[in-house]
């Protein structure tokens, strides 16, 4: 799949995954790009974070073959304002390591492995728990507006993380969002 100026985020992610797979490299989409996808771009992050167990050398070589250039920690393509980063792994959500990604996105014949909506919410709540990042709390709620989540799974996870107290504010906001049905 060729990178073009008209590609949306999903197509761009699929092109990256397809290219890496051609080189035997697996990866998982995490972070703000998942929020962007699950909120239909209400949160419009320009970067796509992928976690891969493969070396940056192998990833750089594979992406260079379709025109990506590595600048610092980012991979840019001249035909897109979106860019890619490969933070060090393994895939984790807070202290939960490793995490098996439970989400998938199909783009044509390409499957992008990614966090599920529930995992995406948990990922955003990490920033809320640790840094009081209210924007991350809002992003978590935006995902909840568009997708069903497992509140029970999130509560069990938050308890293990030692943040059941901060979770209560999320739960209150979630219940307002859902009209107290939860």
N, C-alpha and C. Protein backbone atom coordinates (compact mmCIF):
# COMPACT_ATOMS: atom_id res chain seq x y z
N UNK A 1 0.86 -1.18 0.00
CA UNK A 1 0.00 0.00 0.00
C UNK A 1 0.91 1.24 0.00
N UNK A 2 0.69 2.10 -0.94
CA UNK A 2 1.50 3.31 -1.07
C UNK A 2 0.96 4.40 -0.15
N UNK A 3 1.86 5.13 0.51
CA UNK A 3 1.46 6.25 1.37
C UNK A 3 1.09 7.43 0.47
N UNK A 4 -0.14 7.94 0.67
CA UNK A 4 -0.60 9.08 -0.13
C UNK A 4 -1.12 10.18 0.79
N UNK A 5 -1.18 11.39 0.25
CA UNK A 5 -1.65 12.54 1.00
C UNK A 5 -3.11 12.40 1.43
N UNK A 6 -3.89 11.61 0.69
CA UNK A 6 -5.32 11.48 0.98
C UNK A 6 -5.64 10.39 2.00
N UNK A 7 -4.63 9.69 2.49
CA UNK A 7 -4.88 8.60 3.45
C UNK A 7 -5.39 9.12 4.78
N UNK A 8 -6.35 8.41 5.33
CA UNK A 8 -6.77 8.72 6.70
C UNK A 8 -5.90 7.92 7.67
N UNK A 9 -6.10 8.11 8.95
CA UNK A 9 -5.28 7.46 9.98
C UNK A 9 -5.34 5.93 9.88
N UNK A 10 -6.54 5.40 9.67
CA UNK A 10 -6.68 3.94 9.59
C UNK A 10 -5.89 3.37 8.41
N UNK A 11 -6.00 4.02 7.26
CA UNK A 11 -5.27 3.57 6.08
C UNK A 11 -3.76 3.69 6.27
N UNK A 12 -3.34 4.78 6.91
CA UNK A 12 -1.92 5.01 7.18
C UNK A 12 -1.39 3.90 8.10
N UNK A 13 -2.13 3.60 9.17
CA UNK A 13 -1.73 2.54 10.10
C UNK A 13 -1.63 1.20 9.36
N UNK A 14 -2.61 0.93 8.51
CA UNK A 14 -2.61 -0.33 7.76
C UNK A 14 -1.42 -0.42 6.82
N UNK A 15 -1.06 0.70 6.20
CA UNK A 15 0.10 0.71 5.29
C UNK A 15 1.39 0.41 6.06
N UNK A 16 1.52 0.97 7.25
CA UNK A 16 2.70 0.71 8.09
C UNK A 16 2.73 -0.77 8.47
N UNK A 17 1.60 -1.29 8.95
CA UNK A 17 1.53 -2.70 9.36
C UNK A 17 1.84 -3.61 8.19
N UNK A 18 1.25 -3.33 7.04
CA UNK A 18 1.48 -4.16 5.86
C UNK A 18 2.97 -4.19 5.49
N UNK A 19 3.60 -3.04 5.51
CA UNK A 19 5.01 -2.97 5.15
C UNK A 19 5.87 -3.74 6.16
N UNK A 20 5.58 -3.57 7.43
CA UNK A 20 6.36 -4.29 8.44
C UNK A 20 6.15 -5.80 8.31
N UNK A 21 4.91 -6.21 8.06
CA UNK A 21 4.62 -7.65 7.91
C UNK A 21 5.37 -8.25 6.73
N UNK A 22 5.57 -7.48 5.66
CA UNK A 22 6.36 -7.96 4.51
C UNK A 22 7.77 -8.32 4.93
N UNK A 23 8.23 -7.70 6.00
CA UNK A 23 9.58 -7.93 6.51
C UNK A 23 9.58 -8.83 7.76
N UNK A 24 8.43 -9.46 8.02
CA UNK A 24 8.32 -10.38 9.15
C UNK A 24 8.29 -9.70 10.51
N UNK A 25 7.89 -8.43 10.52
CA UNK A 25 7.88 -7.63 11.75
C UNK A 25 6.45 -7.45 12.23
N UNK A 26 6.18 -7.85 13.46
CA UNK A 26 4.86 -7.64 14.05
C UNK A 26 4.87 -6.38 14.91
N UNK A 27 3.69 -5.82 15.12
CA UNK A 27 3.58 -4.61 15.95
C UNK A 27 2.15 -4.47 16.46
N UNK A 28 2.00 -3.61 17.48
CA UNK A 28 0.70 -3.35 18.09
C UNK A 28 0.51 -1.83 18.16
N UNK A 29 -0.64 -1.35 17.70
CA UNK A 29 -0.96 0.07 17.78
C UNK A 29 -1.48 0.37 19.18
N UNK A 30 -0.89 1.39 19.82
CA UNK A 30 -1.25 1.77 21.19
C UNK A 30 -1.38 3.29 21.27
N UNK A 31 -1.72 3.79 22.45
CA UNK A 31 -1.66 5.22 22.72
C UNK A 31 -2.75 6.06 22.08
N UNK A 32 -2.38 7.31 21.83
CA UNK A 32 -3.34 8.31 21.35
C UNK A 32 -3.96 7.99 20.01
N UNK A 33 -3.25 7.25 19.16
CA UNK A 33 -3.84 6.87 17.86
C UNK A 33 -5.06 5.99 18.06
N UNK A 34 -5.04 5.14 19.07
CA UNK A 34 -6.22 4.31 19.38
C UNK A 34 -7.38 5.21 19.79
N UNK A 35 -7.08 6.22 20.61
CA UNK A 35 -8.11 7.17 21.02
C UNK A 35 -8.68 7.85 19.78
N UNK A 36 -7.82 8.30 18.88
CA UNK A 36 -8.26 8.98 17.66
C UNK A 36 -9.19 8.08 16.84
N UNK A 37 -8.81 6.83 16.69
CA UNK A 37 -9.62 5.88 15.91
C UNK A 37 -10.95 5.61 16.61
N UNK A 38 -10.91 5.35 17.91
CA UNK A 38 -12.14 5.01 18.63
C UNK A 38 -13.07 6.21 18.81
N UNK A 39 -12.56 7.43 18.73
CA UNK A 39 -13.41 8.62 18.88
C UNK A 39 -13.75 9.25 17.53
N UNK A 40 -13.43 8.55 16.46
CA UNK A 40 -13.68 9.06 15.11
C UNK A 40 -13.04 10.43 14.93
N UNK A 41 -11.80 10.54 15.42
CA UNK A 41 -10.94 11.72 15.28
C UNK A 41 -11.35 12.90 16.16
N UNK A 42 -12.18 12.68 17.17
CA UNK A 42 -12.47 13.75 18.13
C UNK A 42 -11.17 14.17 18.81
N UNK A 43 -10.32 13.18 19.09
CA UNK A 43 -8.94 13.43 19.54
C UNK A 43 -8.07 13.16 18.33
N UNK A 44 -7.43 14.18 17.81
CA UNK A 44 -6.69 14.03 16.55
C UNK A 44 -5.18 14.12 16.76
N UNK A 45 -4.62 13.06 17.29
CA UNK A 45 -3.17 12.97 17.45
C UNK A 45 -2.53 12.75 16.09
N UNK A 46 -1.38 13.34 15.86
CA UNK A 46 -0.71 13.14 14.57
C UNK A 46 0.22 11.93 14.57
N UNK A 47 0.59 11.48 15.76
CA UNK A 47 1.52 10.36 15.78
C UNK A 47 0.79 9.04 16.02
N UNK A 48 1.38 8.00 15.52
CA UNK A 48 0.88 6.65 15.73
C UNK A 48 1.98 5.89 16.45
N UNK A 49 1.68 5.43 17.65
CA UNK A 49 2.65 4.67 18.44
C UNK A 49 2.41 3.19 18.24
N UNK A 50 3.46 2.50 17.82
CA UNK A 50 3.42 1.05 17.68
C UNK A 50 4.47 0.46 18.62
N UNK A 51 4.13 -0.63 19.25
CA UNK A 51 5.09 -1.38 20.05
C UNK A 51 5.45 -2.63 19.24
N UNK A 52 6.74 -2.87 19.11
CA UNK A 52 7.21 -4.04 18.38
C UNK A 52 8.40 -4.64 19.10
N UNK A 53 8.48 -5.97 19.13
CA UNK A 53 9.64 -6.60 19.76
C UNK A 53 10.87 -6.59 18.85
N UNK A 54 10.74 -6.08 17.64
CA UNK A 54 11.84 -6.10 16.68
C UNK A 54 12.73 -4.88 16.84
N UNK A 55 13.93 -4.97 16.33
CA UNK A 55 14.92 -3.90 16.48
C UNK A 55 14.54 -2.66 15.67
N UNK A 56 14.97 -1.51 16.17
CA UNK A 56 14.74 -0.27 15.43
C UNK A 56 15.46 -0.31 14.08
N UNK A 57 16.56 -1.02 14.04
CA UNK A 57 17.31 -1.18 12.78
C UNK A 57 16.45 -1.87 11.73
N UNK A 58 15.81 -2.98 12.11
CA UNK A 58 14.96 -3.73 11.17
C UNK A 58 13.74 -2.90 10.77
N UNK A 59 13.15 -2.20 11.74
CA UNK A 59 11.98 -1.37 11.46
C UNK A 59 12.35 -0.22 10.52
N UNK A 60 13.48 0.41 10.79
CA UNK A 60 13.95 1.52 9.95
C UNK A 60 14.16 1.07 8.51
N UNK A 61 14.79 -0.09 8.34
CA UNK A 61 15.05 -0.63 7.00
C UNK A 61 13.73 -0.92 6.27
N UNK A 62 12.79 -1.55 6.97
CA UNK A 62 11.51 -1.90 6.35
C UNK A 62 10.73 -0.66 5.93
N UNK A 63 10.67 0.35 6.80
CA UNK A 63 9.90 1.56 6.48
C UNK A 63 10.60 2.44 5.45
N UNK A 64 11.92 2.43 5.43
CA UNK A 64 12.67 3.21 4.43
C UNK A 64 12.34 2.73 3.02
N UNK A 65 12.02 1.45 2.89
CA UNK A 65 11.71 0.88 1.58
C UNK A 65 10.47 1.50 0.94
N UNK A 66 9.60 2.13 1.75
CA UNK A 66 8.42 2.80 1.19
C UNK A 66 8.46 4.31 1.42
N UNK A 67 9.66 4.84 1.69
CA UNK A 67 9.83 6.28 1.73
C UNK A 67 9.85 6.96 3.08
N UNK A 68 9.77 6.21 4.17
CA UNK A 68 9.83 6.83 5.49
C UNK A 68 11.26 7.24 5.80
N UNK A 69 11.38 8.36 6.49
CA UNK A 69 12.69 8.83 6.94
C UNK A 69 12.65 8.94 8.45
N UNK A 70 13.71 8.45 9.09
CA UNK A 70 13.78 8.51 10.55
C UNK A 70 14.41 9.83 10.95
N UNK A 71 13.68 10.57 11.79
CA UNK A 71 14.18 11.84 12.32
C UNK A 71 14.03 11.76 13.83
N UNK A 72 15.16 11.58 14.52
CA UNK A 72 15.10 11.36 15.96
C UNK A 72 14.40 10.06 16.24
N UNK A 73 13.35 10.12 17.05
CA UNK A 73 12.62 8.89 17.38
C UNK A 73 11.40 8.67 16.48
N UNK A 74 11.16 9.59 15.55
CA UNK A 74 9.97 9.52 14.70
C UNK A 74 10.31 9.09 13.27
N UNK A 75 9.33 8.46 12.64
CA UNK A 75 9.42 8.10 11.23
C UNK A 75 8.41 8.97 10.48
N UNK A 76 8.91 9.79 9.57
CA UNK A 76 8.07 10.69 8.78
C UNK A 76 8.04 10.21 7.33
N UNK A 77 6.92 10.47 6.68
CA UNK A 77 6.79 10.19 5.25
C UNK A 77 6.45 11.50 4.56
N UNK A 78 7.09 11.82 3.45
CA UNK A 78 6.83 13.10 2.79
C UNK A 78 5.39 13.30 2.31
N UNK A 79 4.63 12.22 2.18
CA UNK A 79 3.24 12.33 1.71
C UNK A 79 2.22 12.35 2.83
N UNK A 80 2.64 12.55 4.08
CA UNK A 80 1.68 12.53 5.17
C UNK A 80 2.09 13.45 6.31
N UNK A 81 1.09 14.03 6.94
CA UNK A 81 1.34 14.81 8.16
C UNK A 81 1.38 13.89 9.38
N UNK A 82 0.91 12.67 9.22
CA UNK A 82 0.98 11.68 10.29
C UNK A 82 2.40 11.12 10.35
N UNK A 83 2.80 10.69 11.53
CA UNK A 83 4.12 10.09 11.68
C UNK A 83 4.05 8.95 12.67
N UNK A 84 5.10 8.16 12.71
CA UNK A 84 5.11 6.92 13.47
C UNK A 84 6.25 6.95 14.50
N UNK A 85 5.98 6.37 15.66
CA UNK A 85 6.99 6.19 16.69
C UNK A 85 6.90 4.76 17.20
N UNK A 86 8.03 4.22 17.61
CA UNK A 86 8.09 2.87 18.17
C UNK A 86 8.70 2.93 19.57
N UNK A 87 7.86 3.31 20.57
CA UNK A 87 8.37 3.32 21.94
C UNK A 87 8.83 1.91 22.34
N UNK A 88 9.72 1.85 23.30
CA UNK A 88 10.20 0.53 23.73
C UNK A 88 9.07 -0.25 24.40
N UNK A 89 9.10 -1.53 24.22
CA UNK A 89 8.07 -2.40 24.78
C UNK A 89 8.54 -3.02 26.07
N UNK A 90 7.84 -3.99 26.53
CA UNK A 90 6.72 -4.67 25.90
C UNK A 90 5.43 -3.86 26.03
N UNK A 91 4.38 -4.38 25.40
CA UNK A 91 3.07 -3.75 25.49
C UNK A 91 2.62 -3.80 26.95
N UNK A 92 2.27 -2.64 27.49
CA UNK A 92 1.91 -2.54 28.91
C UNK A 92 0.80 -1.51 29.09
N UNK A 93 0.07 -1.65 30.19
CA UNK A 93 -0.89 -0.64 30.62
C UNK A 93 -0.62 -0.43 32.11
N UNK A 94 0.04 0.66 32.44
CA UNK A 94 0.43 0.89 33.83
C UNK A 94 1.41 -0.18 34.26
N UNK A 95 1.11 -0.81 35.39
CA UNK A 95 1.98 -1.86 35.93
C UNK A 95 1.66 -3.23 35.33
N UNK A 96 0.63 -3.30 34.50
CA UNK A 96 0.25 -4.57 33.88
C UNK A 96 1.16 -4.83 32.69
N UNK A 97 2.09 -5.78 32.87
CA UNK A 97 3.08 -6.10 31.85
C UNK A 97 3.24 -7.62 31.81
N UNK A 98 3.27 -8.24 30.66
CA UNK A 98 2.86 -7.71 29.37
C UNK A 98 1.34 -7.73 29.24
N UNK A 99 0.85 -7.02 28.25
CA UNK A 99 -0.57 -6.96 27.96
C UNK A 99 -0.80 -7.59 26.60
N UNK A 100 -1.80 -8.46 26.53
CA UNK A 100 -2.19 -9.03 25.24
C UNK A 100 -3.23 -8.10 24.63
N UNK A 101 -2.91 -7.47 23.50
CA UNK A 101 -3.88 -6.57 22.87
C UNK A 101 -5.14 -7.32 22.45
N UNK A 102 -6.29 -6.73 22.74
CA UNK A 102 -7.57 -7.39 22.48
C UNK A 102 -8.35 -6.76 21.34
N UNK A 103 -7.78 -5.75 20.68
CA UNK A 103 -8.48 -5.07 19.60
C UNK A 103 -7.89 -5.37 18.24
N UNK A 104 -8.73 -5.22 17.25
CA UNK A 104 -8.30 -5.36 15.86
C UNK A 104 -9.07 -4.38 15.01
N UNK A 105 -8.40 -3.92 13.97
CA UNK A 105 -9.05 -3.05 13.00
C UNK A 105 -8.73 -3.61 11.62
N UNK A 106 -9.77 -3.86 10.85
CA UNK A 106 -9.59 -4.34 9.48
C UNK A 106 -9.63 -3.16 8.53
N UNK A 107 -8.62 -3.08 7.68
CA UNK A 107 -8.57 -2.08 6.62
C UNK A 107 -8.29 -2.86 5.34
N UNK A 108 -9.33 -3.10 4.56
CA UNK A 108 -9.18 -3.98 3.41
C UNK A 108 -8.83 -5.37 3.91
N UNK A 109 -7.72 -5.91 3.41
CA UNK A 109 -7.28 -7.25 3.81
C UNK A 109 -6.27 -7.20 4.95
N UNK A 110 -5.96 -6.01 5.43
CA UNK A 110 -4.94 -5.86 6.46
C UNK A 110 -5.59 -5.77 7.83
N UNK A 111 -5.04 -6.49 8.79
CA UNK A 111 -5.52 -6.44 10.16
C UNK A 111 -4.48 -5.71 11.01
N UNK A 112 -4.93 -4.65 11.67
CA UNK A 112 -4.08 -3.90 12.59
C UNK A 112 -4.43 -4.37 14.00
N UNK A 113 -3.45 -4.92 14.69
CA UNK A 113 -3.64 -5.32 16.08
C UNK A 113 -3.47 -4.08 16.95
N UNK A 114 -4.40 -3.88 17.89
CA UNK A 114 -4.38 -2.66 18.70
C UNK A 114 -5.07 -2.91 20.04
N UNK A 115 -5.00 -1.90 20.92
CA UNK A 115 -5.76 -1.97 22.16
C UNK A 115 -7.25 -2.00 21.84
N UNK A 116 -8.01 -2.73 22.63
CA UNK A 116 -9.47 -2.70 22.55
C UNK A 116 -9.95 -1.39 23.17
N UNK A 117 -11.23 -1.04 23.00
CA UNK A 117 -11.72 0.18 23.66
C UNK A 117 -11.49 0.15 25.18
N UNK A 118 -11.72 -0.99 25.82
CA UNK A 118 -11.49 -1.08 27.27
C UNK A 118 -10.02 -0.85 27.60
N UNK A 119 -9.12 -1.47 26.86
CA UNK A 119 -7.69 -1.28 27.09
C UNK A 119 -7.26 0.16 26.80
N UNK A 120 -7.86 0.76 25.78
CA UNK A 120 -7.58 2.15 25.44
C UNK A 120 -7.96 3.06 26.61
N UNK A 121 -9.13 2.81 27.20
CA UNK A 121 -9.57 3.60 28.36
C UNK A 121 -8.59 3.42 29.51
N UNK A 122 -8.18 2.18 29.77
CA UNK A 122 -7.22 1.93 30.84
C UNK A 122 -5.90 2.66 30.56
N UNK A 123 -5.45 2.63 29.33
CA UNK A 123 -4.21 3.32 28.95
C UNK A 123 -4.30 4.81 29.23
N UNK A 124 -5.44 5.40 28.93
CA UNK A 124 -5.62 6.84 29.20
C UNK A 124 -5.71 7.10 30.70
N UNK A 125 -6.34 6.19 31.43
CA UNK A 125 -6.47 6.37 32.87
C UNK A 125 -5.12 6.32 33.59
N UNK A 126 -4.14 5.64 33.00
CA UNK A 126 -2.80 5.63 33.60
C UNK A 126 -2.30 7.06 33.79
N UNK A 127 -2.45 7.89 32.76
CA UNK A 127 -2.00 9.29 32.86
C UNK A 127 -2.83 10.07 33.88
N UNK A 128 -4.10 9.74 33.97
CA UNK A 128 -4.97 10.37 34.97
C UNK A 128 -4.52 9.98 36.38
N UNK A 129 -4.26 8.72 36.58
CA UNK A 129 -3.84 8.23 37.90
C UNK A 129 -2.50 8.81 38.33
N UNK A 130 -1.53 8.78 37.44
CA UNK A 130 -0.16 9.12 37.82
C UNK A 130 0.18 10.61 37.75
N UNK A 131 -0.41 11.32 36.80
CA UNK A 131 -0.03 12.72 36.58
C UNK A 131 -1.20 13.69 36.68
N UNK A 132 -2.36 13.21 37.12
CA UNK A 132 -3.56 14.05 37.20
C UNK A 132 -3.86 14.73 35.87
N UNK A 133 -3.58 14.03 34.79
CA UNK A 133 -3.79 14.58 33.45
C UNK A 133 -5.28 14.49 33.09
N UNK A 134 -5.97 15.58 33.34
CA UNK A 134 -7.42 15.62 33.12
C UNK A 134 -7.78 15.36 31.65
N UNK A 135 -6.94 15.82 30.74
CA UNK A 135 -7.19 15.60 29.31
C UNK A 135 -7.27 14.09 29.02
N UNK A 136 -6.41 13.31 29.66
CA UNK A 136 -6.44 11.86 29.46
C UNK A 136 -7.73 11.25 30.02
N UNK A 137 -8.21 11.79 31.13
CA UNK A 137 -9.50 11.35 31.67
C UNK A 137 -10.62 11.64 30.67
N UNK A 138 -10.59 12.82 30.09
CA UNK A 138 -11.59 13.21 29.08
C UNK A 138 -11.50 12.29 27.87
N UNK A 139 -10.29 12.00 27.42
CA UNK A 139 -10.12 11.10 26.27
C UNK A 139 -10.70 9.72 26.57
N UNK A 140 -10.49 9.24 27.79
CA UNK A 140 -11.06 7.94 28.19
C UNK A 140 -12.59 7.99 28.08
N UNK A 141 -13.17 9.07 28.54
CA UNK A 141 -14.63 9.21 28.47
C UNK A 141 -15.12 9.33 27.03
N UNK A 142 -14.35 9.99 26.18
CA UNK A 142 -14.73 10.08 24.77
C UNK A 142 -14.81 8.69 24.13
N UNK A 143 -13.86 7.82 24.48
CA UNK A 143 -13.89 6.45 23.96
C UNK A 143 -15.17 5.76 24.44
N UNK A 144 -15.52 5.99 25.71
CA UNK A 144 -16.73 5.38 26.29
C UNK A 144 -18.00 5.87 25.60
N UNK A 145 -17.98 7.10 25.09
CA UNK A 145 -19.15 7.63 24.37
C UNK A 145 -19.45 6.81 23.12
N UNK A 146 -18.40 6.31 22.47
CA UNK A 146 -18.55 5.67 21.17
C UNK A 146 -18.54 4.15 21.20
N UNK A 147 -18.01 3.57 22.30
CA UNK A 147 -17.82 2.12 22.34
C UNK A 147 -18.19 1.55 23.70
N UNK A 148 -18.73 0.34 23.72
CA UNK A 148 -18.95 -0.33 25.01
C UNK A 148 -17.61 -0.71 25.61
N UNK A 149 -17.52 -0.63 26.91
CA UNK A 149 -16.31 -1.01 27.63
C UNK A 149 -16.69 -1.94 28.78
N UNK A 150 -15.71 -2.60 29.34
CA UNK A 150 -15.94 -3.46 30.50
C UNK A 150 -15.55 -2.68 31.75
N UNK A 151 -16.54 -2.09 32.40
CA UNK A 151 -16.27 -1.31 33.61
C UNK A 151 -15.73 -2.23 34.71
N UNK A 152 -16.21 -3.45 34.78
CA UNK A 152 -15.72 -4.40 35.78
C UNK A 152 -14.24 -4.69 35.59
N UNK A 153 -13.83 -4.89 34.36
CA UNK A 153 -12.41 -5.14 34.06
C UNK A 153 -11.56 -3.92 34.44
N UNK A 154 -12.06 -2.74 34.14
CA UNK A 154 -11.33 -1.52 34.48
C UNK A 154 -11.22 -1.36 35.99
N UNK A 155 -12.28 -1.66 36.71
CA UNK A 155 -12.25 -1.55 38.18
C UNK A 155 -11.25 -2.53 38.78
N UNK A 156 -11.24 -3.78 38.29
CA UNK A 156 -10.29 -4.78 38.80
C UNK A 156 -8.85 -4.35 38.52
N UNK A 157 -8.62 -3.83 37.32
CA UNK A 157 -7.29 -3.36 36.93
C UNK A 157 -6.86 -2.19 37.82
N UNK A 158 -7.75 -1.21 38.01
CA UNK A 158 -7.42 -0.03 38.83
C UNK A 158 -7.10 -0.43 40.26
N UNK A 159 -7.81 -1.42 40.79
CA UNK A 159 -7.54 -1.91 42.13
C UNK A 159 -6.12 -2.47 42.22
N UNK A 160 -5.74 -3.27 41.23
CA UNK A 160 -4.38 -3.84 41.20
C UNK A 160 -3.33 -2.74 41.05
N UNK A 161 -3.69 -1.67 40.34
CA UNK A 161 -2.76 -0.55 40.14
C UNK A 161 -2.63 0.31 41.40
N UNK A 162 -3.55 0.10 42.34
CA UNK A 162 -3.53 0.90 43.57
C UNK A 162 -4.17 2.26 43.41
N UNK A 163 -5.12 2.37 42.47
CA UNK A 163 -5.75 3.66 42.20
C UNK A 163 -7.27 3.59 42.21
N UNK A 164 -7.82 2.75 43.05
CA UNK A 164 -9.27 2.62 43.14
C UNK A 164 -9.90 3.96 43.52
N UNK A 165 -9.19 4.76 44.33
CA UNK A 165 -9.72 6.07 44.75
C UNK A 165 -9.89 7.00 43.55
N UNK A 166 -8.87 7.11 42.70
CA UNK A 166 -8.96 8.00 41.53
C UNK A 166 -9.93 7.46 40.48
N UNK A 167 -10.10 6.16 40.49
CA UNK A 167 -11.05 5.56 39.54
C UNK A 167 -12.46 6.06 39.81
N UNK A 168 -12.77 6.36 41.07
CA UNK A 168 -14.12 6.79 41.42
C UNK A 168 -14.56 8.02 40.63
N UNK A 169 -13.65 8.95 40.38
CA UNK A 169 -14.03 10.12 39.59
C UNK A 169 -14.37 9.72 38.16
N UNK A 170 -13.58 8.80 37.60
CA UNK A 170 -13.90 8.29 36.27
C UNK A 170 -15.27 7.63 36.28
N UNK A 171 -15.54 6.78 37.27
CA UNK A 171 -16.82 6.06 37.35
C UNK A 171 -17.98 7.05 37.45
N UNK A 172 -17.83 8.10 38.25
CA UNK A 172 -18.89 9.12 38.36
C UNK A 172 -19.15 9.78 37.00
N UNK A 173 -18.08 10.15 36.32
CA UNK A 173 -18.22 10.78 35.00
C UNK A 173 -18.81 9.79 33.99
N UNK A 174 -18.39 8.55 34.07
CA UNK A 174 -18.90 7.51 33.19
C UNK A 174 -20.40 7.32 33.39
N UNK A 175 -20.85 7.29 34.65
CA UNK A 175 -22.26 7.11 34.93
C UNK A 175 -23.08 8.30 34.44
N UNK A 176 -22.54 9.51 34.55
CA UNK A 176 -23.22 10.69 33.99
C UNK A 176 -23.36 10.54 32.49
N UNK A 177 -22.29 10.11 31.87
CA UNK A 177 -22.24 9.93 30.42
C UNK A 177 -23.28 8.91 29.95
N UNK A 178 -23.41 7.85 30.72
CA UNK A 178 -24.31 6.76 30.35
C UNK A 178 -25.71 6.93 30.96
N UNK A 179 -25.95 8.06 31.60
CA UNK A 179 -27.27 8.32 32.17
C UNK A 179 -27.59 7.46 33.37
N UNK A 180 -26.57 7.16 34.19
CA UNK A 180 -26.72 6.38 35.43
C UNK A 180 -27.22 4.98 35.20
N UNK A 181 -27.04 4.43 34.00
CA UNK A 181 -27.45 3.06 33.71
C UNK A 181 -26.44 2.05 34.24
N UNK A 182 -25.25 2.52 34.61
CA UNK A 182 -24.19 1.59 35.01
C UNK A 182 -24.13 1.37 36.49
